[in-house]
Amino acid sequence: MIAQAVWGLAVAFGVMLLLGRPAISFLRAHQLEEQIREVGLEHHAGKRGTPTMGGLLMVTVTVVVALALDLRLPALWPLLLALVGFGLLGAADDLAKVGNRLGYGFQVRWKFLWHPGLAILVALVIFGLLHQRTMDVGPLRSIALGWALVPIAAAIIFASSTASLVDGLDGLAAGLYALGFSAYGVIALHNQQPALAAFCGIAVGTLLGFLWFNVHPAQMFMGDTGALAYAGALGAVAVMSGQMLLLLLIGSVLALEVLSVVLQVSWFKLSHGKRLFLISPYHHHLERKGWAEVTIVQRFWLAAAVSAALGVGLASL
């Protein structure tokens, strides 16, 4: 069981290294390049023109390696549905951004129709295909939910998908996602869920391989194609592990980033134009405060690593 997860990680990492530079050339040749919105972060202008939608390669590698490991594993299907489904939604958003040259994708109201709909579909597949009816809460095991699992699971998956907004600094999103999948991979091994552990290993290998080209200064961005795909898939992994509520701890840095946006928007409306942060998400607030990009990324990684370890510890009690 451990061997399959490790081999999946190694193969996905190796394939990403092998195909990374050809992918960069392909994206550049098709003018799939980052468009930077004017939000008061002038130093980000240097990122304009960097190839984006690297998530296309990432999702393809994860899917192909996962299927190559074992086509007969039904536990893969909701994971692949989440990964590919959210990836396609992200790709549509990326193409809209590239097309208008202003860095703006689809309007938020449309996202709040499509994203919850896909989250509900993934939850129904987990409920119907895998017959999951319970969840764990730390050391408490097999709490019966019945049909209530579907709305709870859908809410978790949708909430996780919103963490895609953490993308924006070189290496930030990929590093945080890799830590989240690593934590749930260990939990899956502890729970004796080989397919889930293998998928987590493949996802980690893909993300680390992408990081090779995404660390500062980034040669390629994942775009919403990758950010949405892996954020949504992480939510599905959390649900299938049983320890879905631990995602708030394991993904605490992601959760705080989302919370900063929610608080900013809510306070702006309630106070008629006042702001809690200089800009949101919070990592951009820190940039405006003078923090270096690499410092923010590294410290967020450190905080996420501690949170992931604590989550694994609670799940293993």
C-alpha atoms as a PDB file:
ATOM      1  CA  MET A   1       0.000   0.000   0.000  1.00  0.00           C
ATOM      2  CA  ILE A   2       2.804   2.427   0.884  1.00  0.00           C
ATOM      3  CA  ALA A   3       4.796   1.325  -2.156  1.00  0.00           C
ATOM      4  CA  GLN A   4       1.972   2.260  -4.544  1.00  0.00           C
ATOM      5  CA  ALA A   5       1.689   5.752  -3.059  1.00  0.00           C
ATOM      6  CA  VAL A   6       5.458   6.281  -3.195  1.00  0.00           C
ATOM      7  CA  TRP A   7       5.760   4.997  -6.756  1.00  0.00           C
ATOM      8  CA  GLY A   8       2.857   7.191  -7.807  1.00  0.00           C
ATOM      9  CA  LEU A   9       4.584  10.218  -6.276  1.00  0.00           C
ATOM     10  CA  ALA A  10       7.901   9.423  -7.941  1.00  0.00           C
ATOM     11  CA  VAL A  11       6.425   8.736 -11.379  1.00  0.00           C
ATOM     12  CA  ALA A  12       4.240  11.860 -11.363  1.00  0.00           C
ATOM     13  CA  PHE A  13       7.196  13.991 -10.234  1.00  0.00           C
ATOM     14  CA  GLY A  14       9.441  12.543 -12.952  1.00  0.00           C
ATOM     15  CA  VAL A  15       6.862  13.037 -15.711  1.00  0.00           C
ATOM     16  CA  MET A  16       6.291  16.642 -14.647  1.00  0.00           C
ATOM     17  CA  LEU A  17      10.042  17.324 -14.804  1.00  0.00           C
ATOM     18  CA  LEU A  18      10.232  15.699 -18.225  1.00  0.00           C
ATOM     19  CA  LEU A  19       7.263  17.571 -19.713  1.00  0.00           C
ATOM     20  CA  GLY A  20       7.554  20.883 -17.873  1.00  0.00           C
ATOM     21  CA  ARG A  21       9.710  22.741 -20.404  1.00  0.00           C
ATOM     22  CA  PRO A  22       7.800  21.470 -23.469  1.00  0.00           C
ATOM     23  CA  ALA A  23       4.599  22.579 -21.707  1.00  0.00           C
ATOM     24  CA  ILE A  24       6.024  26.067 -21.137  1.00  0.00           C
ATOM     25  CA  SER A  25       6.914  26.300 -24.834  1.00  0.00           C
ATOM     26  CA  PHE A  26       3.431  25.083 -25.825  1.00  0.00           C
ATOM     27  CA  LEU A  27       1.659  27.607 -23.605  1.00  0.00           C
ATOM     28  CA  ARG A  28       3.839  30.431 -24.851  1.00  0.00           C
ATOM     29  CA  ALA A  29       3.345  29.428 -28.489  1.00  0.00           C
ATOM     30  CA  HIS A  30      -0.432  29.523 -28.013  1.00  0.00           C
ATOM     31  CA  GLN A  31      -0.221  32.872 -26.182  1.00  0.00           C
ATOM     32  CA  LEU A  32      -1.650  31.431 -22.987  1.00  0.00           C
ATOM     33  CA  GLU A  33       0.114  34.007 -20.856  1.00  0.00           C
ATOM     34  CA  GLU A  34      -0.690  35.637 -17.531  1.00  0.00           C
ATOM     35  CA  GLN A  35      -2.642  38.881 -17.535  1.00  0.00           C
ATOM     36  CA  ILE A  36      -2.086  40.958 -14.380  1.00  0.00           C
ATOM     37  CA  ARG A  37      -4.995  42.920 -12.915  1.00  0.00           C
ATOM     38  CA  GLU A  38      -4.313  46.458 -11.735  1.00  0.00           C
ATOM     39  CA  VAL A  39      -4.831  46.077  -7.986  1.00  0.00           C
ATOM     40  CA  GLY A  40      -2.038  48.233  -6.595  1.00  0.00           C
ATOM     41  CA  LEU A  41       0.761  45.643  -6.677  1.00  0.00           C
ATOM     42  CA  GLU A  42       3.025  47.276  -9.213  1.00  0.00           C
ATOM     43  CA  HIS A  43       5.878  44.813  -8.749  1.00  0.00           C
ATOM     44  CA  HIS A  44       3.617  42.063 -10.122  1.00  0.00           C
ATOM     45  CA  ALA A  45       3.851  43.678 -13.551  1.00  0.00           C
ATOM     46  CA  GLY A  46       6.968  41.590 -14.113  1.00  0.00           C
ATOM     47  CA  LYS A  47       4.821  38.444 -14.008  1.00  0.00           C
ATOM     48  CA  ARG A  48       2.798  39.586 -17.034  1.00  0.00           C
ATOM     49  CA  GLY A  49       3.458  37.324 -19.994  1.00  0.00           C
ATOM     50  CA  THR A  50       4.478  34.298 -17.914  1.00  0.00           C
ATOM     51  CA  PRO A  51       2.891  31.150 -19.399  1.00  0.00           C
ATOM     52  CA  THR A  52      -0.242  30.185 -17.475  1.00  0.00           C
ATOM     53  CA  MET A  53      -2.714  27.275 -17.480  1.00  0.00           C
ATOM     54  CA  GLY A  54       0.059  24.879 -16.449  1.00  0.00           C
ATOM     55  CA  GLY A  55      -2.776  23.110 -14.659  1.00  0.00           C
ATOM     56  CA  LEU A  56      -3.584  21.468 -18.005  1.00  0.00           C
ATOM     57  CA  LEU A  57      -0.365  19.457 -17.759  1.00  0.00           C
ATOM     58  CA  MET A  58      -0.785  18.864 -14.037  1.00  0.00           C
ATOM     59  CA  VAL A  59      -4.300  17.453 -14.286  1.00  0.00           C
ATOM     60  CA  THR A  60      -3.347  15.291 -17.279  1.00  0.00           C
ATOM     61  CA  VAL A  61      -0.346  13.814 -15.475  1.00  0.00           C
ATOM     62  CA  THR A  62      -2.328  13.087 -12.301  1.00  0.00           C
ATOM     63  CA  VAL A  63      -5.179  11.433 -14.216  1.00  0.00           C
ATOM     64  CA  VAL A  64      -2.943   9.308 -16.466  1.00  0.00           C
ATOM     65  CA  VAL A  65      -0.708   8.097 -13.629  1.00  0.00           C
ATOM     66  CA  ALA A  66      -3.733   7.378 -11.402  1.00  0.00           C
ATOM     67  CA  LEU A  67      -5.416   5.310 -14.103  1.00  0.00           C
ATOM     68  CA  ALA A  68      -2.160   3.537 -14.934  1.00  0.00           C
ATOM     69  CA  LEU A  69      -1.805   2.378 -11.333  1.00  0.00           C
ATOM     70  CA  ASP A  70      -5.097   0.471 -11.338  1.00  0.00           C
ATOM     71  CA  LEU A  71      -8.112   0.988 -13.593  1.00  0.00           C
ATOM     72  CA  ARG A  72     -10.276  -1.183 -11.348  1.00  0.00           C
ATOM     73  CA  LEU A  73     -10.293   1.040  -8.306  1.00  0.00           C
ATOM     74  CA  PRO A  74     -13.790   2.600  -8.030  1.00  0.00           C
ATOM     75  CA  ALA A  75     -12.509   4.930  -5.317  1.00  0.00           C
ATOM     76  CA  LEU A  76     -10.643   6.838  -8.029  1.00  0.00           C
ATOM     77  CA  TRP A  77     -13.728   7.996  -9.880  1.00  0.00           C
ATOM     78  CA  PRO A  78     -15.042  10.682  -7.512  1.00  0.00           C
ATOM     79  CA  LEU A  79     -11.486  11.968  -7.113  1.00  0.00           C
ATOM     80  CA  LEU A  80     -10.978  12.205 -10.861  1.00  0.00           C
ATOM     81  CA  LEU A  81     -14.418  13.779 -11.263  1.00  0.00           C
ATOM     82  CA  ALA A  82     -13.469  16.505  -8.782  1.00  0.00           C
ATOM     83  CA  LEU A  83     -10.019  17.022 -10.292  1.00  0.00           C
ATOM     84  CA  VAL A  84     -11.121  17.144 -13.936  1.00  0.00           C
ATOM     85  CA  GLY A  85     -14.457  18.878 -13.267  1.00  0.00           C
ATOM     86  CA  PHE A  86     -13.009  21.751 -11.275  1.00  0.00           C
ATOM     87  CA  GLY A  87     -10.057  21.857 -13.656  1.00  0.00           C
ATOM     88  CA  LEU A  88     -12.403  22.422 -16.607  1.00  0.00           C
ATOM     89  CA  LEU A  89     -14.195  25.213 -14.738  1.00  0.00           C
ATOM     90  CA  GLY A  90     -10.837  26.775 -13.977  1.00  0.00           C
ATOM     91  CA  ALA A  91      -9.729  26.422 -17.605  1.00  0.00           C
ATOM     92  CA  ALA A  92     -12.850  28.254 -18.781  1.00  0.00           C
ATOM     93  CA  ASP A  93     -12.052  31.048 -16.323  1.00  0.00           C
ATOM     94  CA  ASP A  94      -8.415  31.183 -17.456  1.00  0.00           C
ATOM     95  CA  LEU A  95      -9.407  31.423 -21.112  1.00  0.00           C
ATOM     96  CA  ALA A  96     -11.758  34.293 -20.260  1.00  0.00           C
ATOM     97  CA  LYS A  97      -8.898  36.109 -18.491  1.00  0.00           C
ATOM     98  CA  VAL A  98      -6.489  35.602 -21.368  1.00  0.00           C
ATOM     99  CA  GLY A  99      -9.149  36.641 -23.855  1.00  0.00           C
ATOM    100  CA  ASN A 100      -9.999  40.019 -22.312  1.00  0.00           C
ATOM    101  CA  ARG A 101      -6.352  40.903 -21.579  1.00  0.00           C
ATOM    102  CA  LEU A 102      -7.380  42.607 -18.336  1.00  0.00           C
ATOM    103  CA  GLY A 103      -6.948  39.629 -16.005  1.00  0.00           C
ATOM    104  CA  TYR A 104     -10.663  39.244 -15.220  1.00  0.00           C
ATOM    105  CA  GLY A 105     -12.459  35.911 -15.586  1.00  0.00           C
ATOM    106  CA  PHE A 106     -16.091  34.982 -15.135  1.00  0.00           C
ATOM    107  CA  GLN A 107     -18.275  36.988 -12.792  1.00  0.00           C
ATOM    108  CA  VAL A 108     -18.540  35.634  -9.259  1.00  0.00           C
ATOM    109  CA  ARG A 109     -22.285  34.977  -9.493  1.00  0.00           C
ATOM    110  CA  TRP A 110     -21.716  32.420 -12.241  1.00  0.00           C
ATOM    111  CA  LYS A 111     -19.037  30.681 -10.192  1.00  0.00           C
ATOM    112  CA  PHE A 112     -21.497  30.361  -7.322  1.00  0.00           C
ATOM    113  CA  LEU A 113     -23.751  28.358  -9.623  1.00  0.00           C
ATOM    114  CA  TRP A 114     -21.233  26.054 -11.257  1.00  0.00           C
ATOM    115  CA  HIS A 115     -18.913  25.315  -8.354  1.00  0.00           C
ATOM    116  CA  PRO A 116     -21.581  24.247  -5.804  1.00  0.00           C
ATOM    117  CA  GLY A 117     -23.278  22.194  -8.513  1.00  0.00           C
ATOM    118  CA  LEU A 118     -20.114  20.222  -9.171  1.00  0.00           C
ATOM    119  CA  ALA A 119     -19.479  19.863  -5.439  1.00  0.00           C
ATOM    120  CA  ILE A 120     -22.960  18.350  -4.981  1.00  0.00           C
ATOM    121  CA  LEU A 121     -22.343  15.961  -7.901  1.00  0.00           C
ATOM    122  CA  VAL A 122     -19.050  14.746  -6.395  1.00  0.00           C
ATOM    123  CA  ALA A 123     -20.730  14.291  -2.996  1.00  0.00           C
ATOM    124  CA  LEU A 124     -23.516  12.242  -4.592  1.00  0.00           C
ATOM    125  CA  VAL A 125     -20.970  10.012  -6.339  1.00  0.00           C
ATOM    126  CA  ILE A 126     -19.152   9.411  -3.042  1.00  0.00           C
ATOM    127  CA  PHE A 127     -22.468   8.625  -1.362  1.00  0.00           C
ATOM    128  CA  GLY A 128     -23.843   6.438  -4.141  1.00  0.00           C
ATOM    129  CA  LEU A 129     -20.783   4.721  -5.616  1.00  0.00           C
ATOM    130  CA  LEU A 130     -18.689   4.279  -2.483  1.00  0.00           C
ATOM    131  CA  HIS A 131     -21.654   3.952  -0.100  1.00  0.00           C
ATOM    132  CA  GLN A 132     -20.054   6.314   2.397  1.00  0.00           C
ATOM    133  CA  ARG A 133     -22.449   7.119   5.228  1.00  0.00           C
ATOM    134  CA  THR A 134     -20.207   8.105   8.153  1.00  0.00           C
ATOM    135  CA  MET A 135     -17.511  10.551   9.118  1.00  0.00           C
ATOM    136  CA  ASP A 136     -14.786  10.648  11.734  1.00  0.00           C
ATOM    137  CA  VAL A 137     -13.998  13.557  14.029  1.00  0.00           C
ATOM    138  CA  GLY A 138     -10.441  13.158  15.232  1.00  0.00           C
ATOM    139  CA  PRO A 139     -10.354  10.039  17.410  1.00  0.00           C
ATOM    140  CA  LEU A 140     -14.169   9.624  17.224  1.00  0.00           C
ATOM    141  CA  ARG A 141     -14.942   7.038  14.567  1.00  0.00           C
ATOM    142  CA  SER A 142     -17.875   6.215  12.290  1.00  0.00           C
ATOM    143  CA  ILE A 143     -20.381   8.899  13.238  1.00  0.00           C
ATOM    144  CA  ALA A 144     -23.507   7.942  11.269  1.00  0.00           C
ATOM    145  CA  LEU A 145     -24.808  10.639   8.921  1.00  0.00           C
ATOM    146  CA  GLY A 146     -26.923   8.827   6.356  1.00  0.00           C
ATOM    147  CA  TRP A 147     -28.176  11.188   3.641  1.00  0.00           C
ATOM    148  CA  ALA A 148     -26.908  14.139   5.674  1.00  0.00           C
ATOM    149  CA  LEU A 149     -23.455  13.209   4.384  1.00  0.00           C
ATOM    150  CA  VAL A 150     -24.321  14.637   0.958  1.00  0.00           C
ATOM    151  CA  PRO A 151     -24.893  18.302   1.929  1.00  0.00           C
ATOM    152  CA  ILE A 152     -22.041  18.219   4.445  1.00  0.00           C
ATOM    153  CA  ALA A 153     -19.651  16.699   1.917  1.00  0.00           C
ATOM    154  CA  ALA A 154     -20.776  19.121  -0.801  1.00  0.00           C
ATOM    155  CA  ALA A 155     -20.198  22.073   1.533  1.00  0.00           C
ATOM    156  CA  ILE A 156     -16.690  20.806   2.377  1.00  0.00           C
ATOM    157  CA  ILE A 157     -15.777  20.284  -1.291  1.00  0.00           C
ATOM    158  CA  PHE A 158     -17.161  23.675  -2.328  1.00  0.00           C
ATOM    159  CA  ALA A 159     -15.416  25.438   0.564  1.00  0.00           C
ATOM    160  CA  SER A 160     -12.172  23.709  -0.348  1.00  0.00           C
ATOM    161  CA  SER A 161     -12.510  24.778  -3.991  1.00  0.00           C
ATOM    162  CA  THR A 162     -12.672  28.430  -2.922  1.00  0.00           C
ATOM    163  CA  ALA A 163      -9.124  28.056  -1.605  1.00  0.00           C
ATOM    164  CA  SER A 164      -8.017  28.394  -5.227  1.00  0.00           C
ATOM    165  CA  LEU A 165      -7.805  32.140  -4.548  1.00  0.00           C
ATOM    166  CA  VAL A 166      -4.579  31.492  -2.611  1.00  0.00           C
ATOM    167  CA  ASP A 167      -2.849  31.358  -5.997  1.00  0.00           C
ATOM    168  CA  GLY A 168      -1.018  34.585  -6.758  1.00  0.00           C
ATOM    169  CA  LEU A 169       2.531  34.249  -5.435  1.00  0.00           C
ATOM    170  CA  ASP A 170       5.219  32.055  -6.957  1.00  0.00           C
ATOM    171  CA  GLY A 171       5.039  28.586  -5.404  1.00  0.00           C
ATOM    172  CA  LEU A 172       2.441  29.444  -2.774  1.00  0.00           C
ATOM    173  CA  ALA A 173      -0.582  27.437  -3.916  1.00  0.00           C
ATOM    174  CA  ALA A 174       1.341  24.370  -5.086  1.00  0.00           C
ATOM    175  CA  GLY A 175       3.284  24.147  -1.825  1.00  0.00           C
ATOM    176  CA  LEU A 176       0.181  24.484   0.339  1.00  0.00           C
ATOM    177  CA  TYR A 177      -1.753  21.930  -1.707  1.00  0.00           C
ATOM    178  CA  ALA A 178       1.173  19.489  -1.587  1.00  0.00           C
ATOM    179  CA  LEU A 179       1.235  19.696   2.214  1.00  0.00           C
ATOM    180  CA  GLY A 180      -2.518  19.128   2.384  1.00  0.00           C
ATOM    181  CA  PHE A 181      -2.411  16.062   0.131  1.00  0.00           C
ATOM    182  CA  SER A 182       0.612  14.745   2.053  1.00  0.00           C
ATOM    183  CA  ALA A 183      -1.317  14.934   5.316  1.00  0.00           C
ATOM    184  CA  TYR A 184      -4.342  13.161   3.906  1.00  0.00           C
ATOM    185  CA  GLY A 185      -2.091  10.592   2.255  1.00  0.00           C
ATOM    186  CA  VAL A 186      -0.741   9.642   5.682  1.00  0.00           C
ATOM    187  CA  ILE A 187      -4.287   9.559   7.090  1.00  0.00           C
ATOM    188  CA  ALA A 188      -5.395   7.305   4.222  1.00  0.00           C
ATOM    189  CA  LEU A 189      -2.519   4.911   4.931  1.00  0.00           C
ATOM    190  CA  HIS A 190      -3.527   4.878   8.607  1.00  0.00           C
ATOM    191  CA  ASN A 191      -7.135   4.143   7.585  1.00  0.00           C
ATOM    192  CA  GLN A 192      -5.996   1.422   5.136  1.00  0.00           C
ATOM    193  CA  GLN A 193      -7.400   3.209   2.084  1.00  0.00           C
ATOM    194  CA  PRO A 194      -4.854   2.287  -0.620  1.00  0.00           C
ATOM    195  CA  ALA A 195      -6.546   4.013  -3.562  1.00  0.00           C
ATOM    196  CA  LEU A 196      -6.901   7.270  -1.639  1.00  0.00           C
ATOM    197  CA  ALA A 197      -3.298   7.104  -0.421  1.00  0.00           C
ATOM    198  CA  ALA A 198      -2.076   6.418  -3.966  1.00  0.00           C
ATOM    199  CA  PHE A 199      -4.045   9.351  -5.372  1.00  0.00           C
ATOM    200  CA  CYS A 200      -2.614  11.650  -2.689  1.00  0.00           C
ATOM    201  CA  GLY A 201       0.891  10.454  -3.543  1.00  0.00           C
ATOM    202  CA  ILE A 202       0.333  11.140  -7.236  1.00  0.00           C
ATOM    203  CA  ALA A 203      -1.088  14.596  -6.477  1.00  0.00           C
ATOM    204  CA  VAL A 204       1.921  15.425  -4.275  1.00  0.00           C
ATOM    205  CA  GLY A 205       4.342  14.247  -6.972  1.00  0.00           C
ATOM    206  CA  THR A 206       2.565  16.337  -9.600  1.00  0.00           C
ATOM    207  CA  LEU A 207       2.535  19.432  -7.411  1.00  0.00           C
ATOM    208  CA  LEU A 208       6.214  19.074  -6.478  1.00  0.00           C
ATOM    209  CA  GLY A 209       7.126  18.559 -10.128  1.00  0.00           C
ATOM    210  CA  PHE A 210       5.197  21.704 -11.006  1.00  0.00           C
ATOM    211  CA  LEU A 211       6.963  23.582  -8.198  1.00  0.00           C
ATOM    212  CA  TRP A 212      10.250  22.912  -9.985  1.00  0.00           C
ATOM    213  CA  PHE A 213       9.086  25.445 -12.589  1.00  0.00           C
ATOM    214  CA  ASN A 214       6.895  27.580 -10.313  1.00  0.00           C
ATOM    215  CA  VAL A 215       9.203  28.618  -7.474  1.00  0.00           C
ATOM    216  CA  HIS A 216      10.356  32.229  -7.574  1.00  0.00           C
ATOM    217  CA  PRO A 217      10.902  33.493 -10.214  1.00  0.00           C
ATOM    218  CA  ALA A 218       8.129  31.392 -11.737  1.00  0.00           C
ATOM    219  CA  GLN A 219       8.545  30.097 -15.284  1.00  0.00           C
ATOM    220  CA  MET A 220       4.950  28.866 -15.414  1.00  0.00           C
ATOM    221  CA  PHE A 221       1.709  29.380 -13.476  1.00  0.00           C
ATOM    222  CA  MET A 222      -0.946  26.752 -12.856  1.00  0.00           C
ATOM    223  CA  GLY A 223      -3.775  29.255 -13.379  1.00  0.00           C
ATOM    224  CA  ASP A 224      -7.283  28.584 -12.156  1.00  0.00           C
ATOM    225  CA  THR A 225      -7.064  25.360 -14.188  1.00  0.00           C
ATOM    226  CA  GLY A 226      -4.706  23.909 -11.609  1.00  0.00           C
ATOM    227  CA  ALA A 227      -5.703  25.950  -8.570  1.00  0.00           C
ATOM    228  CA  LEU A 228      -9.383  24.976  -8.777  1.00  0.00           C
ATOM    229  CA  ALA A 229      -8.633  21.380  -9.766  1.00  0.00           C
ATOM    230  CA  TYR A 230      -6.396  20.610  -6.796  1.00  0.00           C
ATOM    231  CA  ALA A 231      -8.374  22.687  -4.299  1.00  0.00           C
ATOM    232  CA  GLY A 232     -11.573  20.839  -5.242  1.00  0.00           C
ATOM    233  CA  ALA A 233      -9.829  17.464  -5.292  1.00  0.00           C
ATOM    234  CA  LEU A 234      -8.388  18.130  -1.826  1.00  0.00           C
ATOM    235  CA  GLY A 235     -11.936  18.605  -0.548  1.00  0.00           C
ATOM    236  CA  ALA A 236     -12.996  15.298  -2.116  1.00  0.00           C
ATOM    237  CA  VAL A 237      -9.990  13.570  -0.535  1.00  0.00           C
ATOM    238  CA  ALA A 238     -10.927  14.993   2.871  1.00  0.00           C
ATOM    239  CA  VAL A 239     -14.486  13.675   2.539  1.00  0.00           C
ATOM    240  CA  MET A 240     -13.390  10.212   1.408  1.00  0.00           C
ATOM    241  CA  SER A 241     -10.875   9.934   4.240  1.00  0.00           C
ATOM    242  CA  GLY A 242     -13.726  10.362   6.723  1.00  0.00           C
ATOM    243  CA  GLN A 243     -11.778  13.153   8.426  1.00  0.00           C
ATOM    244  CA  MET A 244     -13.437  15.931   6.448  1.00  0.00           C
ATOM    245  CA  LEU A 245     -13.694  18.339   9.393  1.00  0.00           C
ATOM    246  CA  LEU A 246      -9.936  18.141   9.923  1.00  0.00           C
ATOM    247  CA  LEU A 247      -9.558  20.005   6.631  1.00  0.00           C
ATOM    248  CA  LEU A 248     -10.107  23.188   8.644  1.00  0.00           C
ATOM    249  CA  LEU A 249      -6.929  22.388  10.576  1.00  0.00           C
ATOM    250  CA  ILE A 250      -4.857  20.704   7.869  1.00  0.00           C
ATOM    251  CA  GLY A 251      -5.779  23.464   5.447  1.00  0.00           C
ATOM    252  CA  SER A 252      -5.866  26.238   8.043  1.00  0.00           C
ATOM    253  CA  VAL A 253      -3.651  28.560   5.988  1.00  0.00           C
ATOM    254  CA  LEU A 254      -5.956  28.102   2.994  1.00  0.00           C
ATOM    255  CA  ALA A 255      -8.981  28.648   5.249  1.00  0.00           C
ATOM    256  CA  LEU A 256      -7.547  31.863   6.675  1.00  0.00           C
ATOM    257  CA  GLU A 257      -6.848  33.163   3.186  1.00  0.00           C
ATOM    258  CA  VAL A 258     -10.473  32.549   2.188  1.00  0.00           C
ATOM    259  CA  LEU A 259     -11.677  34.080   5.456  1.00  0.00           C
ATOM    260  CA  SER A 260      -9.662  37.239   4.781  1.00  0.00           C
ATOM    261  CA  VAL A 261     -11.552  37.723   1.514  1.00  0.00           C
ATOM    262  CA  VAL A 262     -14.933  37.048   3.127  1.00  0.00           C
ATOM    263  CA  LEU A 263     -14.195  39.514   5.943  1.00  0.00           C
ATOM    264  CA  GLN A 264     -12.888  42.136   3.524  1.00  0.00           C
ATOM    265  CA  VAL A 265     -15.951  41.982   1.282  1.00  0.00           C
ATOM    266  CA  SER A 266     -18.407  41.837   4.200  1.00  0.00           C
ATOM    267  CA  TRP A 267     -16.833  44.751   6.072  1.00  0.00           C
ATOM    268  CA  PHE A 268     -16.589  46.803   2.862  1.00  0.00           C
ATOM    269  CA  LYS A 269     -20.345  46.452   2.356  1.00  0.00           C
ATOM    270  CA  LEU A 270     -21.334  46.944   6.002  1.00  0.00           C
ATOM    271  CA  SER A 271     -19.077  49.967   6.514  1.00  0.00           C
ATOM    272  CA  HIS A 272     -19.895  51.560   3.171  1.00  0.00           C
ATOM    273  CA  GLY A 273     -16.418  51.418   1.699  1.00  0.00           C
ATOM    274  CA  LYS A 274     -14.004  50.816   4.574  1.00  0.00           C
ATOM    275  CA  ARG A 275     -11.463  47.979   4.473  1.00  0.00           C
ATOM    276  CA  LEU A 276     -10.050  45.615   7.090  1.00  0.00           C
ATOM    277  CA  PHE A 277      -6.967  44.813   5.012  1.00  0.00           C
ATOM    278  CA  LEU A 278      -4.973  46.878   2.549  1.00  0.00           C
ATOM    279  CA  ILE A 279      -5.919  44.258  -0.028  1.00  0.00           C
ATOM    280  CA  SER A 280      -7.148  40.679   0.085  1.00  0.00           C
ATOM    281  CA  PRO A 281      -6.372  37.771   0.117  1.00  0.00           C
ATOM    282  CA  TYR A 282      -4.115  38.183   3.137  1.00  0.00           C
ATOM    283  CA  HIS A 283      -0.884  37.329   1.310  1.00  0.00           C
ATOM    284  CA  HIS A 284      -1.365  40.425  -0.857  1.00  0.00           C
ATOM    285  CA  HIS A 285      -1.999  42.485   2.300  1.00  0.00           C
ATOM    286  CA  LEU A 286       1.405  41.369   3.567  1.00  0.00           C
ATOM    287  CA  GLU A 287       2.958  42.358   0.241  1.00  0.00           C
ATOM    288  CA  ARG A 288       1.500  45.841   0.579  1.00  0.00           C
ATOM    289  CA  LYS A 289       2.962  45.949   4.117  1.00  0.00           C
ATOM    290  CA  GLY A 290       6.400  45.407   2.600  1.00  0.00           C
ATOM    291  CA  TRP A 291       6.949  41.665   3.037  1.00  0.00           C
ATOM    292  CA  ALA A 292       9.032  40.029   0.321  1.00  0.00           C
ATOM    293  CA  GLU A 293       7.211  37.478  -1.838  1.00  0.00           C
ATOM    294  CA  VAL A 294       9.603  34.643  -0.990  1.00  0.00           C
ATOM    295  CA  THR A 295       9.295  35.386   2.742  1.00  0.00           C
ATOM    296  CA  ILE A 296       5.498  35.202   2.621  1.00  0.00           C
ATOM    297  CA  VAL A 297       5.543  31.924   0.705  1.00  0.00           C
ATOM    298  CA  GLN A 298       8.096  30.260   2.973  1.00  0.00           C
ATOM    299  CA  ARG A 299       6.344  31.305   6.185  1.00  0.00           C
ATOM    300  CA  PHE A 300       2.964  30.195   4.872  1.00  0.00           C
ATOM    301  CA  TRP A 301       4.531  26.837   3.997  1.00  0.00           C
ATOM    302  CA  LEU A 302       5.951  26.530   7.522  1.00  0.00           C
ATOM    303  CA  ALA A 303       2.597  27.317   9.144  1.00  0.00           C
ATOM    304  CA  ALA A 304       0.841  24.868   6.822  1.00  0.00           C
ATOM    305  CA  ALA A 305       3.378  22.119   7.605  1.00  0.00           C
ATOM    306  CA  VAL A 306       2.738  22.467  11.344  1.00  0.00           C
ATOM    307  CA  SER A 307      -1.042  22.478  10.797  1.00  0.00           C
ATOM    308  CA  ALA A 308      -0.818  19.391   8.584  1.00  0.00           C
ATOM    309  CA  ALA A 309       1.239  17.544  11.197  1.00  0.00           C
ATOM    310  CA  LEU A 310      -1.270  18.422  13.917  1.00  0.00           C
ATOM    311  CA  GLY A 311      -4.107  17.186  11.723  1.00  0.00           C
ATOM    312  CA  VAL A 312      -2.386  13.883  11.087  1.00  0.00           C
ATOM    313  CA  GLY A 313      -1.739  13.542  14.820  1.00  0.00           C
ATOM    314  CA  LEU A 314      -5.427  14.049  15.679  1.00  0.00           C
ATOM    315  CA  ALA A 315      -6.572  11.619  12.993  1.00  0.00           C
ATOM    316  CA  SER A 316      -4.163   8.978  14.295  1.00  0.00           C
ATOM    317  CA  LEU A 317      -5.352   9.058  17.925  1.00  0.00           C
END
